[in-house]
mmCIF file of all heavy atoms, coordinates in Angstrom:
data_MODEL
# 
_entry.id   MODEL 
# 
loop_
_atom_site.group_PDB 
_atom_site.id 
_atom_site.type_symbol 
_atom_site.label_atom_id 
_atom_site.label_alt_id 
_atom_site.label_comp_id 
_atom_site.label_asym_id 
_atom_site.label_entity_id 
_atom_site.label_seq_id 
_atom_site.pdbx_PDB_ins_code 
_atom_site.Cartn_x 
_atom_site.Cartn_y 
_atom_site.Cartn_z 
_atom_site.occupancy 
_atom_site.B_iso_or_equiv 
_atom_site.pdbx_formal_charge 
_atom_site.auth_seq_id 
_atom_site.auth_comp_id 
_atom_site.auth_asym_id 
_atom_site.auth_atom_id 
_atom_site.pdbx_PDB_model_num 
ATOM 1   N N   . GLY A 1 1  ? -34.432 11.647  -14.427 1.00 0.00 ? 1  GLY A N   1 
ATOM 2   C CA  . GLY A 1 1  ? -35.524 12.688  -14.360 1.00 0.00 ? 1  GLY A CA  1 
ATOM 3   C C   . GLY A 1 1  ? -36.620 12.252  -13.427 1.00 0.00 ? 1  GLY A C   1 
ATOM 4   O O   . GLY A 1 1  ? -37.109 13.040  -12.618 1.00 0.00 ? 1  GLY A O   1 
ATOM 5   N N   . LEU A 1 2  ? -37.077 11.031  -13.439 1.00 0.00 ? 2  LEU A N   1 
ATOM 6   C CA  . LEU A 1 2  ? -38.061 10.529  -12.604 1.00 0.00 ? 2  LEU A CA  1 
ATOM 7   C C   . LEU A 1 2  ? -37.616 10.637  -11.097 1.00 0.00 ? 2  LEU A C   1 
ATOM 8   O O   . LEU A 1 2  ? -38.304 11.114  -10.225 1.00 0.00 ? 2  LEU A O   1 
ATOM 9   C CB  . LEU A 1 2  ? -38.489 9.106   -12.857 1.00 0.00 ? 2  LEU A CB  1 
ATOM 10  C CG  . LEU A 1 2  ? -39.304 8.968   -14.124 1.00 0.00 ? 2  LEU A CG  1 
ATOM 11  C CD1 . LEU A 1 2  ? -39.424 7.516   -14.453 1.00 0.00 ? 2  LEU A CD1 1 
ATOM 12  C CD2 . LEU A 1 2  ? -40.685 9.641   -14.002 1.00 0.00 ? 2  LEU A CD2 1 
ATOM 13  N N   . SER A 1 3  ? -36.332 10.222  -10.863 1.00 0.00 ? 3  SER A N   1 
ATOM 14  C CA  . SER A 1 3  ? -35.790 10.233  -9.461  1.00 0.00 ? 3  SER A CA  1 
ATOM 15  C C   . SER A 1 3  ? -35.676 11.672  -8.996  1.00 0.00 ? 3  SER A C   1 
ATOM 16  O O   . SER A 1 3  ? -35.943 11.934  -7.763  1.00 0.00 ? 3  SER A O   1 
ATOM 17  C CB  . SER A 1 3  ? -34.365 9.629   -9.464  1.00 0.00 ? 3  SER A CB  1 
ATOM 18  O OG  . SER A 1 3  ? -34.463 8.216   -9.714  1.00 0.00 ? 3  SER A OG  1 
ATOM 19  N N   . TYR A 1 4  ? -35.422 12.604  -9.819  1.00 0.00 ? 4  TYR A N   1 
ATOM 20  C CA  . TYR A 1 4  ? -35.343 14.053  -9.444  1.00 0.00 ? 4  TYR A CA  1 
ATOM 21  C C   . TYR A 1 4  ? -36.720 14.466  -8.986  1.00 0.00 ? 4  TYR A C   1 
ATOM 22  O O   . TYR A 1 4  ? -36.783 15.128  -7.984  1.00 0.00 ? 4  TYR A O   1 
ATOM 23  C CB  . TYR A 1 4  ? -34.827 14.852  -10.621 1.00 0.00 ? 4  TYR A CB  1 
ATOM 24  C CG  . TYR A 1 4  ? -34.850 16.381  -10.332 1.00 0.00 ? 4  TYR A CG  1 
ATOM 25  C CD1 . TYR A 1 4  ? -33.807 16.986  -9.543  1.00 0.00 ? 4  TYR A CD1 1 
ATOM 26  C CD2 . TYR A 1 4  ? -35.897 17.087  -10.743 1.00 0.00 ? 4  TYR A CD2 1 
ATOM 27  C CE1 . TYR A 1 4  ? -33.926 18.346  -9.284  1.00 0.00 ? 4  TYR A CE1 1 
ATOM 28  C CE2 . TYR A 1 4  ? -35.955 18.539  -10.492 1.00 0.00 ? 4  TYR A CE2 1 
ATOM 29  C CZ  . TYR A 1 4  ? -34.944 19.111  -9.715  1.00 0.00 ? 4  TYR A CZ  1 
ATOM 30  O OH  . TYR A 1 4  ? -35.012 20.452  -9.525  1.00 0.00 ? 4  TYR A OH  1 
ATOM 31  N N   . TYR A 1 5  ? -37.702 14.234  -9.797  1.00 0.00 ? 5  TYR A N   1 
ATOM 32  C CA  . TYR A 1 5  ? -39.057 14.747  -9.490  1.00 0.00 ? 5  TYR A CA  1 
ATOM 33  C C   . TYR A 1 5  ? -39.710 13.949  -8.350  1.00 0.00 ? 5  TYR A C   1 
ATOM 34  O O   . TYR A 1 5  ? -40.721 14.421  -7.787  1.00 0.00 ? 5  TYR A O   1 
ATOM 35  C CB  . TYR A 1 5  ? -39.966 14.689  -10.647 1.00 0.00 ? 5  TYR A CB  1 
ATOM 36  C CG  . TYR A 1 5  ? -39.631 15.795  -11.699 1.00 0.00 ? 5  TYR A CG  1 
ATOM 37  C CD1 . TYR A 1 5  ? -39.151 15.505  -13.030 1.00 0.00 ? 5  TYR A CD1 1 
ATOM 38  C CD2 . TYR A 1 5  ? -39.781 17.123  -11.330 1.00 0.00 ? 5  TYR A CD2 1 
ATOM 39  C CE1 . TYR A 1 5  ? -38.845 16.412  -13.897 1.00 0.00 ? 5  TYR A CE1 1 
ATOM 40  C CE2 . TYR A 1 5  ? -39.468 18.140  -12.326 1.00 0.00 ? 5  TYR A CE2 1 
ATOM 41  C CZ  . TYR A 1 5  ? -39.038 17.748  -13.566 1.00 0.00 ? 5  TYR A CZ  1 
ATOM 42  O OH  . TYR A 1 5  ? -38.667 18.805  -14.430 1.00 0.00 ? 5  TYR A OH  1 
ATOM 43  N N   . LEU A 1 6  ? -39.158 12.855  -7.972  1.00 0.00 ? 6  LEU A N   1 
ATOM 44  C CA  . LEU A 1 6  ? -39.714 11.980  -6.840  1.00 0.00 ? 6  LEU A CA  1 
ATOM 45  C C   . LEU A 1 6  ? -39.200 12.577  -5.517  1.00 0.00 ? 6  LEU A C   1 
ATOM 46  O O   . LEU A 1 6  ? -39.725 12.172  -4.514  1.00 0.00 ? 6  LEU A O   1 
ATOM 47  C CB  . LEU A 1 6  ? -39.348 10.524  -7.053  1.00 0.00 ? 6  LEU A CB  1 
ATOM 48  C CG  . LEU A 1 6  ? -40.124 9.711   -8.091  1.00 0.00 ? 6  LEU A CG  1 
ATOM 49  C CD1 . LEU A 1 6  ? -39.414 8.435   -8.446  1.00 0.00 ? 6  LEU A CD1 1 
ATOM 50  C CD2 . LEU A 1 6  ? -41.510 9.452   -7.528  1.00 0.00 ? 6  LEU A CD2 1 
ATOM 51  N N   . LYS A 1 7  ? -38.182 13.386  -5.490  1.00 0.00 ? 7  LYS A N   1 
ATOM 52  C CA  . LYS A 1 7  ? -37.639 13.943  -4.291  1.00 0.00 ? 7  LYS A CA  1 
ATOM 53  C C   . LYS A 1 7  ? -38.712 14.827  -3.660  1.00 0.00 ? 7  LYS A C   1 
ATOM 54  O O   . LYS A 1 7  ? -39.442 15.482  -4.399  1.00 0.00 ? 7  LYS A O   1 
ATOM 55  C CB  . LYS A 1 7  ? -36.374 14.760  -4.521  1.00 0.00 ? 7  LYS A CB  1 
ATOM 56  C CG  . LYS A 1 7  ? -35.181 13.836  -4.900  1.00 0.00 ? 7  LYS A CG  1 
ATOM 57  C CD  . LYS A 1 7  ? -33.835 14.578  -4.965  1.00 0.00 ? 7  LYS A CD  1 
ATOM 58  C CE  . LYS A 1 7  ? -33.822 15.620  -6.063  1.00 0.00 ? 7  LYS A CE  1 
ATOM 59  N NZ  . LYS A 1 7  ? -32.442 16.313  -6.168  1.00 0.00 ? 7  LYS A NZ  1 
ATOM 60  N N   . PRO A 1 8  ? -38.840 14.920  -2.323  1.00 0.00 ? 8  PRO A N   1 
ATOM 61  C CA  . PRO A 1 8  ? -37.965 14.329  -1.299  1.00 0.00 ? 8  PRO A CA  1 
ATOM 62  C C   . PRO A 1 8  ? -38.457 13.034  -0.861  1.00 0.00 ? 8  PRO A C   1 
ATOM 63  O O   . PRO A 1 8  ? -37.992 12.531  0.206   1.00 0.00 ? 8  PRO A O   1 
ATOM 64  C CB  . PRO A 1 8  ? -38.043 15.418  -0.171  1.00 0.00 ? 8  PRO A CB  1 
ATOM 65  C CG  . PRO A 1 8  ? -39.459 15.867  -0.275  1.00 0.00 ? 8  PRO A CG  1 
ATOM 66  C CD  . PRO A 1 8  ? -39.808 15.846  -1.709  1.00 0.00 ? 8  PRO A CD  1 
ATOM 67  N N   . HIS A 1 9  ? -39.324 12.337  -1.508  1.00 0.00 ? 9  HIS A N   1 
ATOM 68  C CA  . HIS A 1 9  ? -39.857 11.031  -1.095  1.00 0.00 ? 9  HIS A CA  1 
ATOM 69  C C   . HIS A 1 9  ? -38.830 9.948   -1.226  1.00 0.00 ? 9  HIS A C   1 
ATOM 70  O O   . HIS A 1 9  ? -38.000 10.053  -2.112  1.00 0.00 ? 9  HIS A O   1 
ATOM 71  C CB  . HIS A 1 9  ? -41.126 10.734  -1.785  1.00 0.00 ? 9  HIS A CB  1 
ATOM 72  C CG  . HIS A 1 9  ? -42.195 11.776  -1.690  1.00 0.00 ? 9  HIS A CG  1 
ATOM 73  N ND1 . HIS A 1 9  ? -42.988 11.902  -0.587  1.00 0.00 ? 9  HIS A ND1 1 
ATOM 74  C CD2 . HIS A 1 9  ? -42.560 12.809  -2.485  1.00 0.00 ? 9  HIS A CD2 1 
ATOM 75  C CE1 . HIS A 1 9  ? -43.837 12.925  -0.708  1.00 0.00 ? 9  HIS A CE1 1 
ATOM 76  N NE2 . HIS A 1 9  ? -43.681 13.443  -1.792  1.00 0.00 ? 9  HIS A NE2 1 
ATOM 77  N N   . ALA A 1 10 ? -38.882 8.949   -0.391  1.00 0.00 ? 10 ALA A N   1 
ATOM 78  C CA  . ALA A 1 10 ? -37.951 7.862   -0.470  1.00 0.00 ? 10 ALA A CA  1 
ATOM 79  C C   . ALA A 1 10 ? -38.338 6.830   -1.453  1.00 0.00 ? 10 ALA A C   1 
ATOM 80  O O   . ALA A 1 10 ? -38.595 5.639   -1.228  1.00 0.00 ? 10 ALA A O   1 
ATOM 81  C CB  . ALA A 1 10 ? -37.852 7.218   0.938   1.00 0.00 ? 10 ALA A CB  1 
ATOM 82  N N   . VAL A 1 11 ? -38.469 7.360   -2.730  1.00 0.00 ? 11 VAL A N   1 
ATOM 83  C CA  . VAL A 1 11 ? -38.760 6.525   -3.909  1.00 0.00 ? 11 VAL A CA  1 
ATOM 84  C C   . VAL A 1 11 ? -37.774 6.837   -4.981  1.00 0.00 ? 11 VAL A C   1 
ATOM 85  O O   . VAL A 1 11 ? -37.543 8.040   -5.326  1.00 0.00 ? 11 VAL A O   1 
ATOM 86  C CB  . VAL A 1 11 ? -40.109 6.771   -4.379  1.00 0.00 ? 11 VAL A CB  1 
ATOM 87  C CG1 . VAL A 1 11 ? -40.535 5.849   -5.612  1.00 0.00 ? 11 VAL A CG1 1 
ATOM 88  C CG2 . VAL A 1 11 ? -41.218 6.629   -3.347  1.00 0.00 ? 11 VAL A CG2 1 
ATOM 89  N N   . VAL A 1 12 ? -37.057 5.841   -5.546  1.00 0.00 ? 12 VAL A N   1 
ATOM 90  C CA  . VAL A 1 12 ? -36.006 6.056   -6.485  1.00 0.00 ? 12 VAL A CA  1 
ATOM 91  C C   . VAL A 1 12 ? -36.188 5.137   -7.611  1.00 0.00 ? 12 VAL A C   1 
ATOM 92  O O   . VAL A 1 12 ? -36.556 3.969   -7.467  1.00 0.00 ? 12 VAL A O   1 
ATOM 93  C CB  . VAL A 1 12 ? -34.586 5.870   -5.785  1.00 0.00 ? 12 VAL A CB  1 
ATOM 94  C CG1 . VAL A 1 12 ? -33.506 5.879   -6.899  1.00 0.00 ? 12 VAL A CG1 1 
ATOM 95  C CG2 . VAL A 1 12 ? -34.352 6.848   -4.732  1.00 0.00 ? 12 VAL A CG2 1 
ATOM 96  N N   . VAL A 1 13 ? -35.902 5.650   -8.891  1.00 0.00 ? 13 VAL A N   1 
ATOM 97  C CA  . VAL A 1 13 ? -35.798 4.755   -10.027 1.00 0.00 ? 13 VAL A CA  1 
ATOM 98  C C   . VAL A 1 13 ? -34.457 4.220   -10.235 1.00 0.00 ? 13 VAL A C   1 
ATOM 99  O O   . VAL A 1 13 ? -33.489 4.994   -10.387 1.00 0.00 ? 13 VAL A O   1 
ATOM 100 C CB  . VAL A 1 13 ? -36.299 5.531   -11.322 1.00 0.00 ? 13 VAL A CB  1 
ATOM 101 C CG1 . VAL A 1 13 ? -36.177 4.682   -12.552 1.00 0.00 ? 13 VAL A CG1 1 
ATOM 102 C CG2 . VAL A 1 13 ? -37.743 6.012   -11.149 1.00 0.00 ? 13 VAL A CG2 1 
ATOM 103 N N   . LEU A 1 14 ? -34.268 2.940   -10.257 1.00 0.00 ? 14 LEU A N   1 
ATOM 104 C CA  . LEU A 1 14 ? -33.015 2.247   -10.347 1.00 0.00 ? 14 LEU A CA  1 
ATOM 105 C C   . LEU A 1 14 ? -32.595 2.103   -11.830 1.00 0.00 ? 14 LEU A C   1 
ATOM 106 O O   . LEU A 1 14 ? -31.388 2.113   -12.165 1.00 0.00 ? 14 LEU A O   1 
ATOM 107 C CB  . LEU A 1 14 ? -32.964 0.955   -9.652  1.00 0.00 ? 14 LEU A CB  1 
ATOM 108 C CG  . LEU A 1 14 ? -33.227 0.970   -8.114  1.00 0.00 ? 14 LEU A CG  1 
ATOM 109 C CD1 . LEU A 1 14 ? -33.391 -0.486  -7.665  1.00 0.00 ? 14 LEU A CD1 1 
ATOM 110 C CD2 . LEU A 1 14 ? -32.323 1.692   -7.388  1.00 0.00 ? 14 LEU A CD2 1 
ATOM 111 N N   . ASP A 1 15 ? -33.566 1.835   -12.677 1.00 0.00 ? 15 ASP A N   1 
ATOM 112 C CA  . ASP A 1 15 ? -33.205 1.541   -14.088 1.00 0.00 ? 15 ASP A CA  1 
ATOM 113 C C   . ASP A 1 15 ? -34.493 1.874   -14.896 1.00 0.00 ? 15 ASP A C   1 
ATOM 114 O O   . ASP A 1 15 ? -35.635 1.921   -14.413 1.00 0.00 ? 15 ASP A O   1 
ATOM 115 C CB  . ASP A 1 15 ? -32.881 0.021   -14.231 1.00 0.00 ? 15 ASP A CB  1 
ATOM 116 C CG  . ASP A 1 15 ? -32.104 -0.223  -15.448 1.00 0.00 ? 15 ASP A CG  1 
ATOM 117 O OD1 . ASP A 1 15 ? -31.864 0.680   -16.249 1.00 0.00 ? 15 ASP A OD1 1 
ATOM 118 O OD2 . ASP A 1 15 ? -31.627 -1.423  -15.598 1.00 0.00 ? 15 ASP A OD2 1 
ATOM 119 N N   . ALA A 1 16 ? -34.286 2.145   -16.178 1.00 0.00 ? 16 ALA A N   1 
ATOM 120 C CA  . ALA A 1 16 ? -35.331 2.458   -17.087 1.00 0.00 ? 16 ALA A CA  1 
ATOM 121 C C   . ALA A 1 16 ? -34.928 1.999   -18.474 1.00 0.00 ? 16 ALA A C   1 
ATOM 122 O O   . ALA A 1 16 ? -33.817 2.068   -18.871 1.00 0.00 ? 16 ALA A O   1 
ATOM 123 C CB  . ALA A 1 16 ? -35.643 3.985   -17.072 1.00 0.00 ? 16 ALA A CB  1 
ATOM 124 N N   . THR A 1 17 ? -35.976 1.427   -19.204 1.00 0.00 ? 17 THR A N   1 
ATOM 125 C CA  . THR A 1 17 ? -35.658 0.883   -20.591 1.00 0.00 ? 17 THR A CA  1 
ATOM 126 C C   . THR A 1 17 ? -36.932 0.939   -21.403 1.00 0.00 ? 17 THR A C   1 
ATOM 127 O O   . THR A 1 17 ? -38.006 0.758   -20.915 1.00 0.00 ? 17 THR A O   1 
ATOM 128 C CB  . THR A 1 17 ? -35.101 -0.559  -20.444 1.00 0.00 ? 17 THR A CB  1 
ATOM 129 O OG1 . THR A 1 17 ? -34.715 -0.973  -21.753 1.00 0.00 ? 17 THR A OG1 1 
ATOM 130 C CG2 . THR A 1 17 ? -36.159 -1.485  -19.924 1.00 0.00 ? 17 THR A CG2 1 
ATOM 131 N N   . PRO A 1 18 ? -36.796 1.264   -22.722 1.00 0.00 ? 18 PRO A N   1 
ATOM 132 C CA  . PRO A 1 18 ? -37.891 1.223   -23.565 1.00 0.00 ? 18 PRO A CA  1 
ATOM 133 C C   . PRO A 1 18 ? -38.385 -0.209  -23.795 1.00 0.00 ? 18 PRO A C   1 
ATOM 134 O O   . PRO A 1 18 ? -37.650 -1.156  -23.971 1.00 0.00 ? 18 PRO A O   1 
ATOM 135 C CB  . PRO A 1 18 ? -37.439 1.959   -24.808 1.00 0.00 ? 18 PRO A CB  1 
ATOM 136 C CG  . PRO A 1 18 ? -35.990 1.667   -24.864 1.00 0.00 ? 18 PRO A CG  1 
ATOM 137 C CD  . PRO A 1 18 ? -35.606 1.687   -23.381 1.00 0.00 ? 18 PRO A CD  1 
ATOM 138 N N   . VAL A 1 19 ? -39.769 -0.381  -23.910 1.00 0.00 ? 19 VAL A N   1 
ATOM 139 C CA  . VAL A 1 19 ? -40.266 -1.729  -24.233 1.00 0.00 ? 19 VAL A CA  1 
ATOM 140 C C   . VAL A 1 19 ? -41.373 -1.618  -25.254 1.00 0.00 ? 19 VAL A C   1 
ATOM 141 O O   . VAL A 1 19 ? -41.875 -0.466  -25.501 1.00 0.00 ? 19 VAL A O   1 
ATOM 142 C CB  . VAL A 1 19 ? -40.851 -2.380  -22.921 1.00 0.00 ? 19 VAL A CB  1 
ATOM 143 C CG1 . VAL A 1 19 ? -39.755 -2.719  -21.931 1.00 0.00 ? 19 VAL A CG1 1 
ATOM 144 C CG2 . VAL A 1 19 ? -41.909 -1.497  -22.252 1.00 0.00 ? 19 VAL A CG2 1 
ATOM 145 N N   . ALA A 1 20 ? -41.771 -2.665  -25.799 1.00 0.00 ? 20 ALA A N   1 
ATOM 146 C CA  . ALA A 1 20 ? -42.930 -2.650  -26.834 1.00 0.00 ? 20 ALA A CA  1 
ATOM 147 C C   . ALA A 1 20 ? -44.217 -2.250  -26.136 1.00 0.00 ? 20 ALA A C   1 
ATOM 148 O O   . ALA A 1 20 ? -44.416 -2.552  -25.010 1.00 0.00 ? 20 ALA A O   1 
ATOM 149 C CB  . ALA A 1 20 ? -42.975 -4.035  -27.453 1.00 0.00 ? 20 ALA A CB  1 
ATOM 150 N N   . LEU A 1 21 ? -45.161 -1.730  -26.883 1.00 0.00 ? 21 LEU A N   1 
ATOM 151 C CA  . LEU A 1 21 ? -46.434 -1.308  -26.340 1.00 0.00 ? 21 LEU A CA  1 
ATOM 152 C C   . LEU A 1 21 ? -47.276 -2.493  -25.870 1.00 0.00 ? 21 LEU A C   1 
ATOM 153 O O   . LEU A 1 21 ? -48.159 -2.278  -25.032 1.00 0.00 ? 21 LEU A O   1 
ATOM 154 C CB  . LEU A 1 21 ? -47.215 -0.470  -27.484 1.00 0.00 ? 21 LEU A CB  1 
ATOM 155 C CG  . LEU A 1 21 ? -46.708 0.866   -27.734 1.00 0.00 ? 21 LEU A CG  1 
ATOM 156 C CD1 . LEU A 1 21 ? -47.514 1.478   -28.910 1.00 0.00 ? 21 LEU A CD1 1 
ATOM 157 C CD2 . LEU A 1 21 ? -46.771 1.708   -26.536 1.00 0.00 ? 21 LEU A CD2 1 
ATOM 158 N N   . ASP A 1 22 ? -46.984 -3.740  -26.285 1.00 0.00 ? 22 ASP A N   1 
ATOM 159 C CA  . ASP A 1 22 ? -47.739 -4.847  -25.823 1.00 0.00 ? 22 ASP A CA  1 
ATOM 160 C C   . ASP A 1 22 ? -47.084 -5.550  -24.609 1.00 0.00 ? 22 ASP A C   1 
ATOM 161 O O   . ASP A 1 22 ? -47.537 -6.517  -24.083 1.00 0.00 ? 22 ASP A O   1 
ATOM 162 C CB  . ASP A 1 22 ? -47.925 -5.888  -26.961 1.00 0.00 ? 22 ASP A CB  1 
ATOM 163 C CG  . ASP A 1 22 ? -46.696 -6.451  -27.486 1.00 0.00 ? 22 ASP A CG  1 
ATOM 164 O OD1 . ASP A 1 22 ? -45.599 -6.055  -27.041 1.00 0.00 ? 22 ASP A OD1 1 
ATOM 165 O OD2 . ASP A 1 22 ? -46.718 -7.342  -28.313 1.00 0.00 ? 22 ASP A OD2 1 
ATOM 166 N N   . TRP A 1 23 ? -45.927 -4.930  -24.132 1.00 0.00 ? 23 TRP A N   1 
ATOM 167 C CA  . TRP A 1 23 ? -45.252 -5.411  -22.985 1.00 0.00 ? 23 TRP A CA  1 
ATOM 168 C C   . TRP A 1 23 ? -45.908 -4.851  -21.706 1.00 0.00 ? 23 TRP A C   1 
ATOM 169 O O   . TRP A 1 23 ? -46.266 -3.687  -21.663 1.00 0.00 ? 23 TRP A O   1 
ATOM 170 C CB  . TRP A 1 23 ? -43.797 -5.042  -22.924 1.00 0.00 ? 23 TRP A CB  1 
ATOM 171 C CG  . TRP A 1 23 ? -42.952 -5.643  -21.861 1.00 0.00 ? 23 TRP A CG  1 
ATOM 172 C CD1 . TRP A 1 23 ? -42.252 -6.772  -21.906 1.00 0.00 ? 23 TRP A CD1 1 
ATOM 173 C CD2 . TRP A 1 23 ? -42.723 -5.134  -20.545 1.00 0.00 ? 23 TRP A CD2 1 
ATOM 174 N NE1 . TRP A 1 23 ? -41.670 -7.077  -20.716 1.00 0.00 ? 23 TRP A NE1 1 
ATOM 175 C CE2 . TRP A 1 23 ? -41.896 -6.032  -19.841 1.00 0.00 ? 23 TRP A CE2 1 
ATOM 176 C CE3 . TRP A 1 23 ? -43.174 -3.937  -19.875 1.00 0.00 ? 23 TRP A CE3 1 
ATOM 177 C CZ2 . TRP A 1 23 ? -41.425 -5.804  -18.578 1.00 0.00 ? 23 TRP A CZ2 1 
ATOM 178 C CZ3 . TRP A 1 23 ? -42.752 -3.710  -18.585 1.00 0.00 ? 23 TRP A CZ3 1 
ATOM 179 C CH2 . TRP A 1 23 ? -41.976 -4.624  -17.893 1.00 0.00 ? 23 TRP A CH2 1 
ATOM 180 N N   . SER A 1 24 ? -46.182 -5.680  -20.653 1.00 0.00 ? 24 SER A N   1 
ATOM 181 C CA  . SER A 1 24 ? -46.859 -5.286  -19.509 1.00 0.00 ? 24 SER A CA  1 
ATOM 182 C C   . SER A 1 24 ? -46.032 -5.646  -18.315 1.00 0.00 ? 24 SER A C   1 
ATOM 183 O O   . SER A 1 24 ? -45.594 -6.809  -18.159 1.00 0.00 ? 24 SER A O   1 
ATOM 184 C CB  . SER A 1 24 ? -48.230 -5.971  -19.344 1.00 0.00 ? 24 SER A CB  1 
ATOM 185 O OG  . SER A 1 24 ? -48.770 -5.728  -18.101 1.00 0.00 ? 24 SER A OG  1 
ATOM 186 N N   . ALA A 1 25 ? -45.837 -4.662  -17.375 1.00 0.00 ? 25 ALA A N   1 
ATOM 187 C CA  . ALA A 1 25 ? -45.127 -4.964  -16.186 1.00 0.00 ? 25 ALA A CA  1 
ATOM 188 C C   . ALA A 1 25 ? -45.880 -6.050  -15.399 1.00 0.00 ? 25 ALA A C   1 
ATOM 189 O O   . ALA A 1 25 ? -45.234 -6.809  -14.680 1.00 0.00 ? 25 ALA A O   1 
ATOM 190 C CB  . ALA A 1 25 ? -44.998 -3.683  -15.263 1.00 0.00 ? 25 ALA A CB  1 
ATOM 191 N N   . ARG A 1 26 ? -47.135 -6.093  -15.428 1.00 0.00 ? 26 ARG A N   1 
ATOM 192 C CA  . ARG A 1 26 ? -47.948 -7.040  -14.672 1.00 0.00 ? 26 ARG A CA  1 
ATOM 193 C C   . ARG A 1 26 ? -48.099 -8.316  -15.461 1.00 0.00 ? 26 ARG A C   1 
ATOM 194 O O   . ARG A 1 26 ? -47.723 -9.401  -14.938 1.00 0.00 ? 26 ARG A O   1 
ATOM 195 C CB  . ARG A 1 26 ? -49.329 -6.453  -14.434 1.00 0.00 ? 26 ARG A CB  1 
ATOM 196 C CG  . ARG A 1 26 ? -50.248 -7.426  -13.652 1.00 0.00 ? 26 ARG A CG  1 
ATOM 197 C CD  . ARG A 1 26 ? -51.592 -6.856  -13.455 1.00 0.00 ? 26 ARG A CD  1 
ATOM 198 N NE  . ARG A 1 26 ? -52.521 -7.790  -12.795 1.00 0.00 ? 26 ARG A NE  1 
ATOM 199 C CZ  . ARG A 1 26 ? -53.809 -7.579  -12.644 1.00 0.00 ? 26 ARG A CZ  1 
ATOM 200 N NH1 . ARG A 1 26 ? -54.467 -6.537  -13.178 1.00 0.00 ? 26 ARG A NH1 1 
ATOM 201 N NH2 . ARG A 1 26 ? -54.597 -8.537  -12.073 1.00 0.00 ? 26 ARG A NH2 1 
ATOM 202 N N   . PHE A 1 27 ? -48.599 -8.352  -16.596 1.00 0.00 ? 27 PHE A N   1 
ATOM 203 C CA  . PHE A 1 27 ? -48.948 -9.576  -17.301 1.00 0.00 ? 27 PHE A CA  1 
ATOM 204 C C   . PHE A 1 27 ? -47.746 -10.243 -18.029 1.00 0.00 ? 27 PHE A C   1 
ATOM 205 O O   . PHE A 1 27 ? -47.841 -11.506 -18.333 1.00 0.00 ? 27 PHE A O   1 
ATOM 206 C CB  . PHE A 1 27 ? -50.057 -9.285  -18.320 1.00 0.00 ? 27 PHE A CB  1 
ATOM 207 C CG  . PHE A 1 27 ? -51.324 -8.847  -17.725 1.00 0.00 ? 27 PHE A CG  1 
ATOM 208 C CD1 . PHE A 1 27 ? -51.840 -7.483  -17.817 1.00 0.00 ? 27 PHE A CD1 1 
ATOM 209 C CD2 . PHE A 1 27 ? -52.066 -9.733  -16.928 1.00 0.00 ? 27 PHE A CD2 1 
ATOM 210 C CE1 . PHE A 1 27 ? -52.949 -7.132  -17.223 1.00 0.00 ? 27 PHE A CE1 1 
ATOM 211 C CE2 . PHE A 1 27 ? -53.274 -9.297  -16.305 1.00 0.00 ? 27 PHE A CE2 1 
ATOM 212 C CZ  . PHE A 1 27 ? -53.701 -7.970  -16.457 1.00 0.00 ? 27 PHE A CZ  1 
ATOM 213 N N   . SER A 1 28 ? -46.729 -9.522  -18.274 1.00 0.00 ? 28 SER A N   1 
ATOM 214 C CA  . SER A 1 28 ? -45.464 -10.145 -18.888 1.00 0.00 ? 28 SER A CA  1 
ATOM 215 C C   . SER A 1 28 ? -44.577 -10.813 -17.755 1.00 0.00 ? 28 SER A C   1 
ATOM 216 O O   . SER A 1 28 ? -43.672 -11.451 -18.119 1.00 0.00 ? 28 SER A O   1 
ATOM 217 C CB  . SER A 1 28 ? -44.733 -9.113  -19.623 1.00 0.00 ? 28 SER A CB  1 
ATOM 218 O OG  . SER A 1 28 ? -45.424 -8.555  -20.630 1.00 0.00 ? 28 SER A OG  1 
ATOM 219 N N   . ALA A 1 29 ? -44.864 -10.578 -16.521 1.00 0.00 ? 29 ALA A N   1 
ATOM 220 C CA  . ALA A 1 29 ? -44.048 -11.080 -15.425 1.00 0.00 ? 29 ALA A CA  1 
ATOM 221 C C   . ALA A 1 29 ? -44.176 -12.578 -15.302 1.00 0.00 ? 29 ALA A C   1 
ATOM 222 O O   . ALA A 1 29 ? -45.321 -13.108 -15.407 1.00 0.00 ? 29 ALA A O   1 
ATOM 223 C CB  . ALA A 1 29 ? -44.371 -10.431 -14.100 1.00 0.00 ? 29 ALA A CB  1 
# 
């Protein structure tokens, strides 16, 4: 769904997964 709405821009979602609300893409890295 995200990849569809991102068209026609060269941005694609490769993977998606649910995570806990305290998980952070920035601070959990």
